[in-house]
Amino acid sequence: MTEGLIPEDFGKNMQPEYVTPAVIYLSSDQAPNGAIMSAGAGVFSRIFIHETMGVSLGTGEDMTPENIAANWDNISDI
């Protein structure tokens, strides 16, 4: 099904040892917490997912879809 999509000789670059440095780094004491890294064929890049500060509605009666809608601007503020 994937024949012709990836050049035959490219597979030689898709080996576990070509991502191992990323695994070792991310498990080291020097690595940042929560970092996500893409690795393959000797190419390394950092992936960013941004999380806002958010709004605490608690776990009681204030935790409603209506309060999420009312606080959407603050929930989304980057």
PDB file of N, CA and C in Angstrom:
ATOM      1  N   MET A   1       0.813  -1.184   0.000  1.00  0.00           N
ATOM      2  CA  MET A   1       0.000   0.000   0.000  1.00  0.00           C
ATOM      3  C   MET A   1       0.870   1.266   0.000  1.00  0.00           C
ATOM      4  N   THR A   2       2.019   1.212   0.635  1.00  0.00           N
ATOM      5  CA  THR A   2       2.876   2.402   0.682  1.00  0.00           C
ATOM      6  C   THR A   2       4.008   2.350  -0.334  1.00  0.00           C
ATOM      7  N   GLU A   3       3.974   1.361  -1.198  1.00  0.00           N
ATOM      8  CA  GLU A   3       5.026   1.224  -2.207  1.00  0.00           C
ATOM      9  C   GLU A   3       5.103   2.487  -3.060  1.00  0.00           C
ATOM     10  N   GLY A   4       6.310   2.995  -3.191  1.00  0.00           N
ATOM     11  CA  GLY A   4       6.538   4.178  -4.002  1.00  0.00           C
ATOM     12  C   GLY A   4       6.426   5.493  -3.242  1.00  0.00           C
ATOM     13  N   LEU A   5       5.923   5.470  -2.010  1.00  0.00           N
ATOM     14  CA  LEU A   5       5.791   6.699  -1.239  1.00  0.00           C
ATOM     15  C   LEU A   5       7.118   7.128  -0.603  1.00  0.00           C
ATOM     16  N   ILE A   6       7.881   6.148  -0.174  1.00  0.00           N
ATOM     17  CA  ILE A   6       9.168   6.411   0.472  1.00  0.00           C
ATOM     18  C   ILE A   6      10.247   5.724  -0.352  1.00  0.00           C
ATOM     19  N   PRO A   7      11.292   6.448  -0.707  1.00  0.00           N
ATOM     20  CA  PRO A   7      12.366   5.811  -1.470  1.00  0.00           C
ATOM     21  C   PRO A   7      12.931   4.602  -0.719  1.00  0.00           C
ATOM     22  N   GLU A   8      13.255   3.547  -1.451  1.00  0.00           N
ATOM     23  CA  GLU A   8      13.727   2.308  -0.833  1.00  0.00           C
ATOM     24  C   GLU A   8      14.934   2.519   0.063  1.00  0.00           C
ATOM     25  N   ASP A   9      15.870   3.352  -0.339  1.00  0.00           N
ATOM     26  CA  ASP A   9      17.083   3.538   0.450  1.00  0.00           C
ATOM     27  C   ASP A   9      16.860   4.412   1.688  1.00  0.00           C
ATOM     28  N   PHE A  10      15.691   5.045   1.792  1.00  0.00           N
ATOM     29  CA  PHE A  10      15.409   5.892   2.948  1.00  0.00           C
ATOM     30  C   PHE A  10      15.242   5.069   4.220  1.00  0.00           C
ATOM     31  N   GLY A  11      14.776   3.842   4.091  1.00  0.00           N
ATOM     32  CA  GLY A  11      14.567   2.973   5.247  1.00  0.00           C
ATOM     33  C   GLY A  11      15.810   2.777   6.083  1.00  0.00           C
ATOM     34  N   LYS A  12      16.966   2.853   5.458  1.00  0.00           N
ATOM     35  CA  LYS A  12      18.215   2.673   6.205  1.00  0.00           C
ATOM     36  C   LYS A  12      18.411   3.795   7.231  1.00  0.00           C
ATOM     37  N   ASN A  13      17.729   4.929   7.031  1.00  0.00           N
ATOM     38  CA  ASN A  13      17.808   6.042   7.984  1.00  0.00           C
ATOM     39  C   ASN A  13      16.771   5.965   9.093  1.00  0.00           C
ATOM     40  N   MET A  14      15.889   5.014   9.011  1.00  0.00           N
ATOM     41  CA  MET A  14      14.814   4.889   9.997  1.00  0.00           C
ATOM     42  C   MET A  14      15.139   3.758  10.982  1.00  0.00           C
ATOM     43  N   GLN A  15      16.205   3.945  11.720  1.00  0.00           N
ATOM     44  CA  GLN A  15      16.664   2.939  12.661  1.00  0.00           C
ATOM     45  C   GLN A  15      16.571   3.475  14.087  1.00  0.00           C
ATOM     46  N   PRO A  16      16.352   2.600  15.069  1.00  0.00           N
ATOM     47  CA  PRO A  16      16.238   3.044  16.463  1.00  0.00           C
ATOM     48  C   PRO A  16      17.440   3.839  16.948  1.00  0.00           C
ATOM     49  N   GLU A  17      18.623   3.497  16.495  1.00  0.00           N
ATOM     50  CA  GLU A  17      19.816   4.212  16.976  1.00  0.00           C
ATOM     51  C   GLU A  17      19.834   5.673  16.538  1.00  0.00           C
ATOM     52  N   TYR A  18      19.000   6.033  15.575  1.00  0.00           N
ATOM     53  CA  TYR A  18      18.945   7.414  15.123  1.00  0.00           C
ATOM     54  C   TYR A  18      17.977   8.277  15.932  1.00  0.00           C
ATOM     55  N   VAL A  19      17.259   7.674  16.857  1.00  0.00           N
ATOM     56  CA  VAL A  19      16.440   8.436  17.797  1.00  0.00           C
ATOM     57  C   VAL A  19      16.943   8.285  19.234  1.00  0.00           C
ATOM     58  N   THR A  20      17.835   7.337  19.461  1.00  0.00           N
ATOM     59  CA  THR A  20      18.355   7.062  20.801  1.00  0.00           C
ATOM     60  C   THR A  20      18.935   8.300  21.486  1.00  0.00           C
ATOM     61  N   PRO A  21      19.697   9.170  20.802  1.00  0.00           N
ATOM     62  CA  PRO A  21      20.212  10.353  21.498  1.00  0.00           C
ATOM     63  C   PRO A  21      19.098  11.215  22.109  1.00  0.00           C
ATOM     64  N   ALA A  22      17.964  11.317  21.443  1.00  0.00           N
ATOM     65  CA  ALA A  22      16.845  12.104  21.977  1.00  0.00           C
ATOM     66  C   ALA A  22      16.287  11.453  23.243  1.00  0.00           C
ATOM     67  N   VAL A  23      16.161  10.133  23.220  1.00  0.00           N
ATOM     68  CA  VAL A  23      15.649   9.405  24.385  1.00  0.00           C
ATOM     69  C   VAL A  23      16.586   9.598  25.573  1.00  0.00           C
ATOM     70  N   ILE A  24      17.876   9.465  25.326  1.00  0.00           N
ATOM     71  CA  ILE A  24      18.853   9.619  26.405  1.00  0.00           C
ATOM     72  C   ILE A  24      18.839  11.046  26.946  1.00  0.00           C
ATOM     73  N   TYR A  25      18.824  12.035  26.050  1.00  0.00           N
ATOM     74  CA  TYR A  25      18.795  13.428  26.507  1.00  0.00           C
ATOM     75  C   TYR A  25      17.544  13.727  27.316  1.00  0.00           C
ATOM     76  N   LEU A  26      16.369  13.347  26.804  1.00  0.00           N
ATOM     77  CA  LEU A  26      15.117  13.671  27.492  1.00  0.00           C
ATOM     78  C   LEU A  26      14.972  12.959  28.822  1.00  0.00           C
ATOM     79  N   SER A  27      15.731  11.888  29.034  1.00  0.00           N
ATOM     80  CA  SER A  27      15.680  11.191  30.325  1.00  0.00           C
ATOM     81  C   SER A  27      16.807  11.640  31.256  1.00  0.00           C
ATOM     82  N   SER A  28      17.598  12.619  30.827  1.00  0.00           N
ATOM     83  CA  SER A  28      18.720  13.093  31.642  1.00  0.00           C
ATOM     84  C   SER A  28      18.278  14.200  32.599  1.00  0.00           C
ATOM     85  N   ASP A  29      19.144  14.492  33.563  1.00  0.00           N
ATOM     86  CA  ASP A  29      18.884  15.578  34.512  1.00  0.00           C
ATOM     87  C   ASP A  29      18.932  16.945  33.846  1.00  0.00           C
ATOM     88  N   GLN A  30      19.587  17.064  32.699  1.00  0.00           N
ATOM     89  CA  GLN A  30      19.717  18.349  32.014  1.00  0.00           C
ATOM     90  C   GLN A  30      18.507  18.693  31.146  1.00  0.00           C
ATOM     91  N   ALA A  31      17.648  17.735  30.879  1.00  0.00           N
ATOM     92  CA  ALA A  31      16.507  17.966  29.988  1.00  0.00           C
ATOM     93  C   ALA A  31      15.433  18.800  30.674  1.00  0.00           C
ATOM     94  N   PRO A  32      14.747  19.651  29.924  1.00  0.00           N
ATOM     95  CA  PRO A  32      13.647  20.425  30.502  1.00  0.00           C
ATOM     96  C   PRO A  32      12.449  19.524  30.784  1.00  0.00           C
ATOM     97  N   ASN A  33      11.705  19.855  31.822  1.00  0.00           N
ATOM     98  CA  ASN A  33      10.490  19.099  32.139  1.00  0.00           C
ATOM     99  C   ASN A  33       9.415  19.375  31.093  1.00  0.00           C
ATOM    100  N   GLY A  34       8.685  18.351  30.725  1.00  0.00           N
ATOM    101  CA  GLY A  34       7.552  18.507  29.832  1.00  0.00           C
ATOM    102  C   GLY A  34       7.895  18.736  28.370  1.00  0.00           C
ATOM    103  N   ALA A  35       9.151  18.589  27.994  1.00  0.00           N
ATOM    104  CA  ALA A  35       9.529  18.807  26.594  1.00  0.00           C
ATOM    105  C   ALA A  35       9.075  17.631  25.739  1.00  0.00           C
ATOM    106  N   ILE A  36       8.646  17.941  24.533  1.00  0.00           N
ATOM    107  CA  ILE A  36       8.281  16.928  23.549  1.00  0.00           C
ATOM    108  C   ILE A  36       9.221  17.102  22.369  1.00  0.00           C
ATOM    109  N   MET A  37       9.827  16.011  21.939  1.00  0.00           N
ATOM    110  CA  MET A  37      10.786  16.075  20.841  1.00  0.00           C
ATOM    111  C   MET A  37      10.379  15.102  19.749  1.00  0.00           C
ATOM    112  N   SER A  38      10.527  15.541  18.524  1.00  0.00           N
ATOM    113  CA  SER A  38      10.355  14.680  17.368  1.00  0.00           C
ATOM    114  C   SER A  38      11.744  14.223  16.938  1.00  0.00           C
ATOM    115  N   ALA A  39      11.867  12.944  16.640  1.00  0.00           N
ATOM    116  CA  ALA A  39      13.172  12.428  16.231  1.00  0.00           C
ATOM    117  C   ALA A  39      12.971  11.340  15.184  1.00  0.00           C
ATOM    118  N   GLY A  40      13.822  11.384  14.171  1.00  0.00           N
ATOM    119  CA  GLY A  40      13.792  10.360  13.144  1.00  0.00           C
ATOM    120  C   GLY A  40      14.835  10.629  12.093  1.00  0.00           C
ATOM    121  N   ALA A  41      15.533   9.605  11.683  1.00  0.00           N
ATOM    122  CA  ALA A  41      16.541   9.698  10.631  1.00  0.00           C
ATOM    123  C   ALA A  41      17.621  10.725  10.955  1.00  0.00           C
ATOM    124  N   GLY A  42      17.911  10.901  12.253  1.00  0.00           N
ATOM    125  CA  GLY A  42      18.941  11.842  12.664  1.00  0.00           C
ATOM    126  C   GLY A  42      18.500  13.292  12.704  1.00  0.00           C
ATOM    127  N   VAL A  43      17.220  13.547  12.505  1.00  0.00           N
ATOM    128  CA  VAL A  43      16.680  14.905  12.563  1.00  0.00           C
ATOM    129  C   VAL A  43      15.918  15.046  13.877  1.00  0.00           C
ATOM    130  N   PHE A  44      16.213  16.112  14.615  1.00  0.00           N
ATOM    131  CA  PHE A  44      15.602  16.346  15.914  1.00  0.00           C
ATOM    132  C   PHE A  44      14.946  17.722  15.927  1.00  0.00           C
ATOM    133  N   SER A  45      13.723  17.791  16.427  1.00  0.00           N
ATOM    134  CA  SER A  45      13.047  19.076  16.558  1.00  0.00           C
ATOM    135  C   SER A  45      12.184  19.039  17.810  1.00  0.00           C
ATOM    136  N   ARG A  46      11.943  20.222  18.344  1.00  0.00           N
ATOM    137  CA  ARG A  46      11.099  20.311  19.523  1.00  0.00           C
ATOM    138  C   ARG A  46       9.676  20.632  19.082  1.00  0.00           C
ATOM    139  N   ILE A  47       8.733  20.002  19.744  1.00  0.00           N
ATOM    140  CA  ILE A  47       7.315  20.222  19.477  1.00  0.00           C
ATOM    141  C   ILE A  47       6.752  21.035  20.634  1.00  0.00           C
ATOM    142  N   PHE A  48       6.003  22.078  20.306  1.00  0.00           N
ATOM    143  CA  PHE A  48       5.411  22.919  21.330  1.00  0.00           C
ATOM    144  C   PHE A  48       3.893  22.798  21.315  1.00  0.00           C
ATOM    145  N   ILE A  49       3.320  22.603  22.482  1.00  0.00           N
ATOM    146  CA  ILE A  49       1.881  22.680  22.692  1.00  0.00           C
ATOM    147  C   ILE A  49       1.713  23.721  23.785  1.00  0.00           C
ATOM    148  N   HIS A  50       0.969  24.766  23.512  1.00  0.00           N
ATOM    149  CA  HIS A  50       0.835  25.855  24.477  1.00  0.00           C
ATOM    150  C   HIS A  50      -0.400  25.659  25.335  1.00  0.00           C
ATOM    151  N   GLU A  51      -0.218  25.753  26.646  1.00  0.00           N
ATOM    152  CA  GLU A  51      -1.336  25.693  27.584  1.00  0.00           C
ATOM    153  C   GLU A  51      -1.454  27.041  28.281  1.00  0.00           C
ATOM    154  N   THR A  52      -2.663  27.585  28.327  1.00  0.00           N
ATOM    155  CA  THR A  52      -2.878  28.865  28.993  1.00  0.00           C
ATOM    156  C   THR A  52      -2.937  28.661  30.509  1.00  0.00           C
ATOM    157  N   MET A  53      -2.971  29.742  31.251  1.00  0.00           N
ATOM    158  CA  MET A  53      -3.080  29.661  32.710  1.00  0.00           C
ATOM    159  C   MET A  53      -4.426  29.071  33.116  1.00  0.00           C
ATOM    160  N   GLY A  54      -5.437  29.303  32.320  1.00  0.00           N
ATOM    161  CA  GLY A  54      -6.736  28.727  32.597  1.00  0.00           C
ATOM    162  C   GLY A  54      -7.489  29.458  33.693  1.00  0.00           C
ATOM    163  N   VAL A  55      -8.653  28.941  34.009  1.00  0.00           N
ATOM    164  CA  VAL A  55      -9.524  29.500  35.040  1.00  0.00           C
ATOM    165  C   VAL A  55     -10.018  28.344  35.888  1.00  0.00           C
ATOM    166  N   SER A  56      -9.948  28.499  37.183  1.00  0.00           N
ATOM    167  CA  SER A  56     -10.460  27.461  38.080  1.00  0.00           C
ATOM    168  C   SER A  56     -11.925  27.727  38.373  1.00  0.00           C
ATOM    169  N   LEU A  57     -12.761  26.796  37.990  1.00  0.00           N
ATOM    170  CA  LEU A  57     -14.183  26.883  38.304  1.00  0.00           C
ATOM    171  C   LEU A  57     -14.529  26.010  39.497  1.00  0.00           C
ATOM    172  N   GLY A  58     -13.538  25.331  40.049  1.00  0.00           N
ATOM    173  CA  GLY A  58     -13.799  24.434  41.159  1.00  0.00           C
ATOM    174  C   GLY A  58     -14.453  23.152  40.691  1.00  0.00           C
ATOM    175  N   THR A  59     -14.841  22.342  41.644  1.00  0.00           N
ATOM    176  CA  THR A  59     -15.462  21.061  41.312  1.00  0.00           C
ATOM    177  C   THR A  59     -16.918  20.989  41.772  1.00  0.00           C
ATOM    178  N   GLY A  60     -17.459  22.154  42.113  1.00  0.00           N
ATOM    179  CA  GLY A  60     -18.843  22.189  42.589  1.00  0.00           C
ATOM    180  C   GLY A  60     -19.803  22.700  41.539  1.00  0.00           C
ATOM    181  N   GLU A  61     -20.795  23.439  42.013  1.00  0.00           N
ATOM    182  CA  GLU A  61     -21.878  23.907  41.152  1.00  0.00           C
ATOM    183  C   GLU A  61     -21.430  24.917  40.094  1.00  0.00           C
ATOM    184  N   ASP A  62     -20.269  25.580  40.310  1.00  0.00           N
ATOM    185  CA  ASP A  62     -19.781  26.568  39.336  1.00  0.00           C
ATOM    186  C   ASP A  62     -19.157  25.929  38.103  1.00  0.00           C
ATOM    187  N   MET A  63     -18.923  24.646  38.127  1.00  0.00           N
ATOM    188  CA  MET A  63     -18.298  23.937  37.006  1.00  0.00           C
ATOM    189  C   MET A  63     -19.391  23.561  35.995  1.00  0.00           C
ATOM    190  N   THR A  64     -19.739  24.537  35.162  1.00  0.00           N
ATOM    191  CA  THR A  64     -20.813  24.339  34.190  1.00  0.00           C
ATOM    192  C   THR A  64     -20.364  24.788  32.804  1.00  0.00           C
ATOM    193  N   PRO A  65     -21.000  24.280  31.769  1.00  0.00           N
ATOM    194  CA  PRO A  65     -20.706  24.760  30.418  1.00  0.00           C
ATOM    195  C   PRO A  65     -20.956  26.261  30.277  1.00  0.00           C
ATOM    196  N   GLU A  66     -21.959  26.759  30.973  1.00  0.00           N
ATOM    197  CA  GLU A  66     -22.275  28.183  30.906  1.00  0.00           C
ATOM    198  C   GLU A  66     -21.134  29.021  31.490  1.00  0.00           C
ATOM    199  N   ASN A  67     -20.537  28.577  32.588  1.00  0.00           N
ATOM    200  CA  ASN A  67     -19.415  29.303  33.188  1.00  0.00           C
ATOM    201  C   ASN A  67     -18.154  29.191  32.337  1.00  0.00           C
ATOM    202  N   ILE A  68     -17.999  28.081  31.645  1.00  0.00           N
ATOM    203  CA  ILE A  68     -16.885  27.978  30.698  1.00  0.00           C
ATOM    204  C   ILE A  68     -17.088  29.008  29.589  1.00  0.00           C
ATOM    205  N   ALA A  69     -18.297  29.092  29.053  1.00  0.00           N
ATOM    206  CA  ALA A  69     -18.591  30.081  28.006  1.00  0.00           C
ATOM    207  C   ALA A  69     -18.369  31.497  28.523  1.00  0.00           C
ATOM    208  N   ALA A  70     -18.807  31.777  29.740  1.00  0.00           N
ATOM    209  CA  ALA A  70     -18.677  33.115  30.309  1.00  0.00           C
ATOM    210  C   ALA A  70     -17.211  33.489  30.566  1.00  0.00           C
ATOM    211  N   ASN A  71     -16.362  32.492  30.782  1.00  0.00           N
ATOM    212  CA  ASN A  71     -14.953  32.726  31.090  1.00  0.00           C
ATOM    213  C   ASN A  71     -14.029  32.419  29.923  1.00  0.00           C
ATOM    214  N   TRP A  72     -14.603  32.193  28.739  1.00  0.00           N
ATOM    215  CA  TRP A  72     -13.816  31.738  27.607  1.00  0.00           C
ATOM    216  C   TRP A  72     -12.641  32.657  27.264  1.00  0.00           C
ATOM    217  N   ASP A  73     -12.834  33.964  27.344  1.00  0.00           N
ATOM    218  CA  ASP A  73     -11.749  34.896  27.038  1.00  0.00           C
ATOM    219  C   ASP A  73     -10.569  34.686  27.993  1.00  0.00           C
ATOM    220  N   ASN A  74     -10.844  34.524  29.275  1.00  0.00           N
ATOM    221  CA  ASN A  74      -9.768  34.285  30.246  1.00  0.00           C
ATOM    222  C   ASN A  74      -9.172  32.885  30.083  1.00  0.00           C
ATOM    223  N   ILE A  75      -9.989  31.921  29.796  1.00  0.00           N
ATOM    224  CA  ILE A  75      -9.504  30.548  29.577  1.00  0.00           C
ATOM    225  C   ILE A  75      -8.561  30.510  28.384  1.00  0.00           C
ATOM    226  N   SER A  76      -8.862  31.300  27.367  1.00  0.00           N
ATOM    227  CA  SER A  76      -8.089  31.286  26.121  1.00  0.00           C
ATOM    228  C   SER A  76      -6.912  32.273  26.096  1.00  0.00           C
ATOM    229  N   ASP A  77      -6.819  33.146  27.089  1.00  0.00           N
ATOM    230  CA  ASP A  77      -5.807  34.211  27.077  1.00  0.00           C
ATOM    231  C   ASP A  77      -4.396  33.637  27.140  1.00  0.00           C
ATOM    232  N   ILE A  78      -3.607  33.881  26.072  1.00  0.00           N
ATOM    233  CA  ILE A  78      -2.228  33.426  26.067  1.00  0.00           C
ATOM    234  C   ILE A  78      -1.280  34.537  26.487  1.00  0.00           C
TER     235      ILE A  78
END
